[in-house]
Amino acid sequence: MPITVNLDVMMAKRKMSLNELSEKVDITLANLSVLKTGKAKAIRFTTLEVICKALDCQPGDLLEYVAES
């Protein structure tokens, strides 16, 4: 998939664990894990908003387009 999720990168920059993020955004560990590993097919804007707020970042910090060769 040409869209890459950089959630793990932002979490590392903010020194935040998956458990801590899960508590802050009220999203299950399982759902965050799916997003973090890039297996998610979609993300709601409301979910993206709360994650960006918790990590103090922009949506572009979490999502990246990588062209397929």
PDB file of N, CA and C in Angstrom:
ATOM      1  N   MET A   1       0.847  -1.176   0.000  1.00  0.00           N
ATOM      2  CA  MET A   1       0.000   0.000   0.000  1.00  0.00           C
ATOM      3  C   MET A   1       0.894   1.241   0.000  1.00  0.00           C
ATOM      4  N   PRO A   2       0.594   2.209  -0.826  1.00  0.00           N
ATOM      5  CA  PRO A   2       1.452   3.381  -0.944  1.00  0.00           C
ATOM      6  C   PRO A   2       1.365   4.371   0.220  1.00  0.00           C
ATOM      7  N   ILE A   3       0.406   4.202   1.141  1.00  0.00           N
ATOM      8  CA  ILE A   3       0.324   5.064   2.314  1.00  0.00           C
ATOM      9  C   ILE A   3       0.997   4.348   3.481  1.00  0.00           C
ATOM     10  N   THR A   4       2.000   4.980   4.061  1.00  0.00           N
ATOM     11  CA  THR A   4       2.727   4.424   5.195  1.00  0.00           C
ATOM     12  C   THR A   4       2.319   5.172   6.460  1.00  0.00           C
ATOM     13  N   VAL A   5       2.084   4.420   7.533  1.00  0.00           N
ATOM     14  CA  VAL A   5       1.735   5.012   8.824  1.00  0.00           C
ATOM     15  C   VAL A   5       2.996   5.055   9.679  1.00  0.00           C
ATOM     16  N   ASN A   6       3.356   6.248  10.118  1.00  0.00           N
ATOM     17  CA  ASN A   6       4.567   6.449  10.916  1.00  0.00           C
ATOM     18  C   ASN A   6       4.242   6.665  12.392  1.00  0.00           C
ATOM     19  N   LEU A   7       3.235   5.972  12.880  1.00  0.00           N
ATOM     20  CA  LEU A   7       2.835   6.120  14.278  1.00  0.00           C
ATOM     21  C   LEU A   7       3.967   5.729  15.216  1.00  0.00           C
ATOM     22  N   ASP A   8       4.663   4.654  14.902  1.00  0.00           N
ATOM     23  CA  ASP A   8       5.754   4.201  15.764  1.00  0.00           C
ATOM     24  C   ASP A   8       6.884   5.231  15.835  1.00  0.00           C
ATOM     25  N   VAL A   9       7.143   5.926  14.736  1.00  0.00           N
ATOM     26  CA  VAL A   9       8.184   6.955  14.705  1.00  0.00           C
ATOM     27  C   VAL A   9       7.804   8.116  15.622  1.00  0.00           C
ATOM     28  N   MET A  10       6.548   8.578  15.518  1.00  0.00           N
ATOM     29  CA  MET A  10       6.097   9.699  16.350  1.00  0.00           C
ATOM     30  C   MET A  10       6.052   9.301  17.819  1.00  0.00           C
ATOM     31  N   MET A  11       5.657   8.081  18.109  1.00  0.00           N
ATOM     32  CA  MET A  11       5.627   7.613  19.494  1.00  0.00           C
ATOM     33  C   MET A  11       7.048   7.593  20.065  1.00  0.00           C
ATOM     34  N   ALA A  12       8.007   7.162  19.276  1.00  0.00           N
ATOM     35  CA  ALA A  12       9.399   7.129  19.730  1.00  0.00           C
ATOM     36  C   ALA A  12       9.917   8.544  19.972  1.00  0.00           C
ATOM     37  N   LYS A  13       9.575   9.471  19.071  1.00  0.00           N
ATOM     38  CA  LYS A  13      10.015  10.860  19.243  1.00  0.00           C
ATOM     39  C   LYS A  13       9.435  11.469  20.517  1.00  0.00           C
ATOM     40  N   ARG A  14       8.222  11.072  20.862  1.00  0.00           N
ATOM     41  CA  ARG A  14       7.559  11.607  22.056  1.00  0.00           C
ATOM     42  C   ARG A  14       7.798  10.746  23.291  1.00  0.00           C
ATOM     43  N   LYS A  15       8.576   9.664  23.100  1.00  0.00           N
ATOM     44  CA  LYS A  15       8.874   8.727  24.192  1.00  0.00           C
ATOM     45  C   LYS A  15       7.592   8.245  24.877  1.00  0.00           C
ATOM     46  N   MET A  16       6.648   7.806  24.035  1.00  0.00           N
ATOM     47  CA  MET A  16       5.357   7.358  24.528  1.00  0.00           C
ATOM     48  C   MET A  16       5.144   5.897  24.118  1.00  0.00           C
ATOM     49  N   SER A  17       4.702   5.100  25.066  1.00  0.00           N
ATOM     50  CA  SER A  17       4.435   3.687  24.782  1.00  0.00           C
ATOM     51  C   SER A  17       3.040   3.538  24.176  1.00  0.00           C
ATOM     52  N   LEU A  18       2.798   2.379  23.602  1.00  0.00           N
ATOM     53  CA  LEU A  18       1.489   2.081  23.033  1.00  0.00           C
ATOM     54  C   LEU A  18       0.429   2.082  24.129  1.00  0.00           C
ATOM     55  N   ASN A  19       0.779   1.564  25.299  1.00  0.00           N
ATOM     56  CA  ASN A  19      -0.162   1.561  26.427  1.00  0.00           C
ATOM     57  C   ASN A  19      -0.527   2.984  26.838  1.00  0.00           C
ATOM     58  N   GLU A  20       0.461   3.844  26.942  1.00  0.00           N
ATOM     59  CA  GLU A  20       0.215   5.229  27.343  1.00  0.00           C
ATOM     60  C   GLU A  20      -0.649   5.957  26.317  1.00  0.00           C
ATOM     61  N   LEU A  21      -0.341   5.760  25.036  1.00  0.00           N
ATOM     62  CA  LEU A  21      -1.134   6.385  23.978  1.00  0.00           C
ATOM     63  C   LEU A  21      -2.565   5.867  24.006  1.00  0.00           C
ATOM     64  N   SER A  22      -2.722   4.575  24.209  1.00  0.00           N
ATOM     65  CA  SER A  22      -4.051   3.967  24.281  1.00  0.00           C
ATOM     66  C   SER A  22      -4.894   4.605  25.378  1.00  0.00           C
ATOM     67  N   GLU A  23      -4.295   4.834  26.524  1.00  0.00           N
ATOM     68  CA  GLU A  23      -5.007   5.464  27.637  1.00  0.00           C
ATOM     69  C   GLU A  23      -5.367   6.915  27.328  1.00  0.00           C
ATOM     70  N   LYS A  24      -4.445   7.637  26.691  1.00  0.00           N
ATOM     71  CA  LYS A  24      -4.680   9.052  26.395  1.00  0.00           C
ATOM     72  C   LYS A  24      -5.778   9.259  25.358  1.00  0.00           C
ATOM     73  N   VAL A  25      -5.835   8.396  24.361  1.00  0.00           N
ATOM     74  CA  VAL A  25      -6.780   8.595  23.256  1.00  0.00           C
ATOM     75  C   VAL A  25      -8.020   7.721  23.367  1.00  0.00           C
ATOM     76  N   ASP A  26      -8.060   6.845  24.372  1.00  0.00           N
ATOM     77  CA  ASP A  26      -9.199   5.959  24.594  1.00  0.00           C
ATOM     78  C   ASP A  26      -9.499   5.088  23.373  1.00  0.00           C
ATOM     79  N   ILE A  27      -8.435   4.491  22.845  1.00  0.00           N
ATOM     80  CA  ILE A  27      -8.528   3.541  21.733  1.00  0.00           C
ATOM     81  C   ILE A  27      -7.857   2.254  22.198  1.00  0.00           C
ATOM     82  N   THR A  28      -8.447   1.122  21.867  1.00  0.00           N
ATOM     83  CA  THR A  28      -7.905  -0.146  22.347  1.00  0.00           C
ATOM     84  C   THR A  28      -6.494  -0.384  21.817  1.00  0.00           C
ATOM     85  N   LEU A  29      -5.732  -1.156  22.577  1.00  0.00           N
ATOM     86  CA  LEU A  29      -4.377  -1.531  22.147  1.00  0.00           C
ATOM     87  C   LEU A  29      -4.423  -2.261  20.814  1.00  0.00           C
ATOM     88  N   ALA A  30      -5.421  -3.114  20.642  1.00  0.00           N
ATOM     89  CA  ALA A  30      -5.536  -3.891  19.402  1.00  0.00           C
ATOM     90  C   ALA A  30      -5.706  -2.958  18.198  1.00  0.00           C
ATOM     91  N   ASN A  31      -6.575  -1.967  18.319  1.00  0.00           N
ATOM     92  CA  ASN A  31      -6.803  -1.047  17.201  1.00  0.00           C
ATOM     93  C   ASN A  31      -5.582  -0.170  16.934  1.00  0.00           C
ATOM     94  N   LEU A  32      -4.910   0.277  17.979  1.00  0.00           N
ATOM     95  CA  LEU A  32      -3.688   1.061  17.778  1.00  0.00           C
ATOM     96  C   LEU A  32      -2.590   0.207  17.156  1.00  0.00           C
ATOM     97  N   SER A  33      -2.528  -1.036  17.552  1.00  0.00           N
ATOM     98  CA  SER A  33      -1.530  -1.946  16.998  1.00  0.00           C
ATOM     99  C   SER A  33      -1.745  -2.161  15.501  1.00  0.00           C
ATOM    100  N   VAL A  34      -2.998  -2.314  15.095  1.00  0.00           N
ATOM    101  CA  VAL A  34      -3.325  -2.470  13.669  1.00  0.00           C
ATOM    102  C   VAL A  34      -2.879  -1.230  12.899  1.00  0.00           C
ATOM    103  N   LEU A  35      -3.125  -0.072  13.466  1.00  0.00           N
ATOM    104  CA  LEU A  35      -2.717   1.181  12.836  1.00  0.00           C
ATOM    105  C   LEU A  35      -1.195   1.299  12.795  1.00  0.00           C
ATOM    106  N   LYS A  36      -0.550   0.976  13.891  1.00  0.00           N
ATOM    107  CA  LYS A  36       0.906   1.090  14.007  1.00  0.00           C
ATOM    108  C   LYS A  36       1.635   0.170  13.032  1.00  0.00           C
ATOM    109  N   THR A  37       1.107  -1.025  12.829  1.00  0.00           N
ATOM    110  CA  THR A  37       1.774  -1.986  11.941  1.00  0.00           C
ATOM    111  C   THR A  37       1.438  -1.768  10.469  1.00  0.00           C
ATOM    112  N   GLY A  38       0.576  -0.789  10.192  1.00  0.00           N
ATOM    113  CA  GLY A  38       0.241  -0.497   8.797  1.00  0.00           C
ATOM    114  C   GLY A  38      -0.791  -1.423   8.201  1.00  0.00           C
ATOM    115  N   LYS A  39      -1.477  -2.202   9.020  1.00  0.00           N
ATOM    116  CA  LYS A  39      -2.480  -3.145   8.522  1.00  0.00           C
ATOM    117  C   LYS A  39      -3.865  -2.518   8.395  1.00  0.00           C
ATOM    118  N   ALA A  40      -4.025  -1.284   8.872  1.00  0.00           N
ATOM    119  CA  ALA A  40      -5.322  -0.617   8.803  1.00  0.00           C
ATOM    120  C   ALA A  40      -5.622  -0.225   7.359  1.00  0.00           C
ATOM    121  N   LYS A  41      -6.876  -0.358   6.967  1.00  0.00           N
ATOM    122  CA  LYS A  41      -7.312   0.023   5.623  1.00  0.00           C
ATOM    123  C   LYS A  41      -7.864   1.443   5.606  1.00  0.00           C
ATOM    124  N   ALA A  42      -8.210   1.972   6.784  1.00  0.00           N
ATOM    125  CA  ALA A  42      -8.779   3.313   6.879  1.00  0.00           C
ATOM    126  C   ALA A  42      -8.565   3.844   8.289  1.00  0.00           C
ATOM    127  N   ILE A  43      -8.718   5.172   8.425  1.00  0.00           N
ATOM    128  CA  ILE A  43      -8.670   5.801   9.731  1.00  0.00           C
ATOM    129  C   ILE A  43      -9.679   6.940   9.725  1.00  0.00           C
ATOM    130  N   ARG A  44     -10.453   7.031  10.775  1.00  0.00           N
ATOM    131  CA  ARG A  44     -11.425   8.122  10.891  1.00  0.00           C
ATOM    132  C   ARG A  44     -10.688   9.412  11.217  1.00  0.00           C
ATOM    133  N   PHE A  45     -11.230  10.519  10.722  1.00  0.00           N
ATOM    134  CA  PHE A  45     -10.634  11.814  11.032  1.00  0.00           C
ATOM    135  C   PHE A  45     -10.664  12.084  12.527  1.00  0.00           C
ATOM    136  N   THR A  46     -11.698  11.634  13.210  1.00  0.00           N
ATOM    137  CA  THR A  46     -11.762  11.859  14.663  1.00  0.00           C
ATOM    138  C   THR A  46     -10.650  11.097  15.374  1.00  0.00           C
ATOM    139  N   THR A  47     -10.349   9.901  14.907  1.00  0.00           N
ATOM    140  CA  THR A  47      -9.252   9.113  15.480  1.00  0.00           C
ATOM    141  C   THR A  47      -7.917   9.790  15.205  1.00  0.00           C
ATOM    142  N   LEU A  48      -7.737  10.229  13.969  1.00  0.00           N
ATOM    143  CA  LEU A  48      -6.510  10.925  13.591  1.00  0.00           C
ATOM    144  C   LEU A  48      -6.337  12.189  14.432  1.00  0.00           C
ATOM    145  N   GLU A  49      -7.444  12.893  14.678  1.00  0.00           N
ATOM    146  CA  GLU A  49      -7.407  14.113  15.476  1.00  0.00           C
ATOM    147  C   GLU A  49      -6.929  13.857  16.908  1.00  0.00           C
ATOM    148  N   VAL A  50      -7.486  12.844  17.572  1.00  0.00           N
ATOM    149  CA  VAL A  50      -7.100  12.593  18.966  1.00  0.00           C
ATOM    150  C   VAL A  50      -5.667  12.083  19.065  1.00  0.00           C
ATOM    151  N   ILE A  51      -5.224  11.317  18.082  1.00  0.00           N
ATOM    152  CA  ILE A  51      -3.834  10.843  18.085  1.00  0.00           C
ATOM    153  C   ILE A  51      -2.885  12.024  17.883  1.00  0.00           C
ATOM    154  N   CYS A  52      -3.216  12.904  16.940  1.00  0.00           N
ATOM    155  CA  CYS A  52      -2.379  14.088  16.705  1.00  0.00           C
ATOM    156  C   CYS A  52      -2.333  14.972  17.942  1.00  0.00           C
ATOM    157  N   LYS A  53      -3.457  15.111  18.620  1.00  0.00           N
ATOM    158  CA  LYS A  53      -3.496  15.928  19.829  1.00  0.00           C
ATOM    159  C   LYS A  53      -2.619  15.315  20.920  1.00  0.00           C
ATOM    160  N   ALA A  54      -2.716  14.003  21.110  1.00  0.00           N
ATOM    161  CA  ALA A  54      -1.942  13.313  22.144  1.00  0.00           C
ATOM    162  C   ALA A  54      -0.439  13.343  21.852  1.00  0.00           C
ATOM    163  N   LEU A  55      -0.077  13.262  20.579  1.00  0.00           N
ATOM    164  CA  LEU A  55       1.336  13.231  20.202  1.00  0.00           C
ATOM    165  C   LEU A  55       1.870  14.611  19.817  1.00  0.00           C
ATOM    166  N   ASP A  56       0.996  15.631  19.855  1.00  0.00           N
ATOM    167  CA  ASP A  56       1.372  16.990  19.489  1.00  0.00           C
ATOM    168  C   ASP A  56       2.052  17.009  18.122  1.00  0.00           C
ATOM    169  N   CYS A  57       1.318  16.526  17.114  1.00  0.00           N
ATOM    170  CA  CYS A  57       1.859  16.449  15.764  1.00  0.00           C
ATOM    171  C   CYS A  57       0.768  16.775  14.740  1.00  0.00           C
ATOM    172  N   GLN A  58       1.140  16.779  13.493  1.00  0.00           N
ATOM    173  CA  GLN A  58       0.227  17.021  12.382  1.00  0.00           C
ATOM    174  C   GLN A  58      -0.081  15.687  11.693  1.00  0.00           C
ATOM    175  N   PRO A  59      -1.227  15.589  10.987  1.00  0.00           N
ATOM    176  CA  PRO A  59      -1.547  14.348  10.271  1.00  0.00           C
ATOM    177  C   PRO A  59      -0.436  13.913   9.311  1.00  0.00           C
ATOM    178  N   GLY A  60       0.227  14.883   8.703  1.00  0.00           N
ATOM    179  CA  GLY A  60       1.326  14.568   7.785  1.00  0.00           C
ATOM    180  C   GLY A  60       2.531  13.949   8.467  1.00  0.00           C
ATOM    181  N   ASP A  61       2.631  14.118   9.786  1.00  0.00           N
ATOM    182  CA  ASP A  61       3.704  13.469  10.539  1.00  0.00           C
ATOM    183  C   ASP A  61       3.430  11.976  10.700  1.00  0.00           C
ATOM    184  N   LEU A  62       2.151  11.604  10.623  1.00  0.00           N
ATOM    185  CA  LEU A  62       1.755  10.207  10.845  1.00  0.00           C
ATOM    186  C   LEU A  62       1.560   9.441   9.545  1.00  0.00           C
ATOM    187  N   LEU A  63       1.140  10.144   8.493  1.00  0.00           N
ATOM    188  CA  LEU A  63       0.832   9.486   7.226  1.00  0.00           C
ATOM    189  C   LEU A  63       1.778   9.974   6.141  1.00  0.00           C
ATOM    190  N   GLU A  64       2.257   9.041   5.339  1.00  0.00           N
ATOM    191  CA  GLU A  64       3.218   9.378   4.292  1.00  0.00           C
ATOM    192  C   GLU A  64       2.868   8.594   3.024  1.00  0.00           C
ATOM    193  N   TYR A  65       2.916   9.265   1.887  1.00  0.00           N
ATOM    194  CA  TYR A  65       2.693   8.610   0.604  1.00  0.00           C
ATOM    195  C   TYR A  65       4.031   8.161   0.036  1.00  0.00           C
ATOM    196  N   VAL A  66       4.138   6.873  -0.268  1.00  0.00           N
ATOM    197  CA  VAL A  66       5.343   6.321  -0.865  1.00  0.00           C
ATOM    198  C   VAL A  66       4.929   5.628  -2.161  1.00  0.00           C
ATOM    199  N   ALA A  67       5.357   6.168  -3.272  1.00  0.00           N
ATOM    200  CA  ALA A  67       4.969   5.631  -4.573  1.00  0.00           C
ATOM    201  C   ALA A  67       5.496   4.206  -4.750  1.00  0.00           C
ATOM    202  N   GLU A  68       4.638   3.364  -5.318  1.00  0.00           N
ATOM    203  CA  GLU A  68       5.060   1.990  -5.620  1.00  0.00           C
ATOM    204  C   GLU A  68       5.884   2.012  -6.910  1.00  0.00           C
ATOM    205  N   SER A  69       6.933   1.218  -6.935  1.00  0.00           N
ATOM    206  CA  SER A  69       7.781   1.203  -8.125  1.00  0.00           C
ATOM    207  C   SER A  69       7.364   0.157  -9.117  1.00  0.00           C
TER     208      SER A  69
END
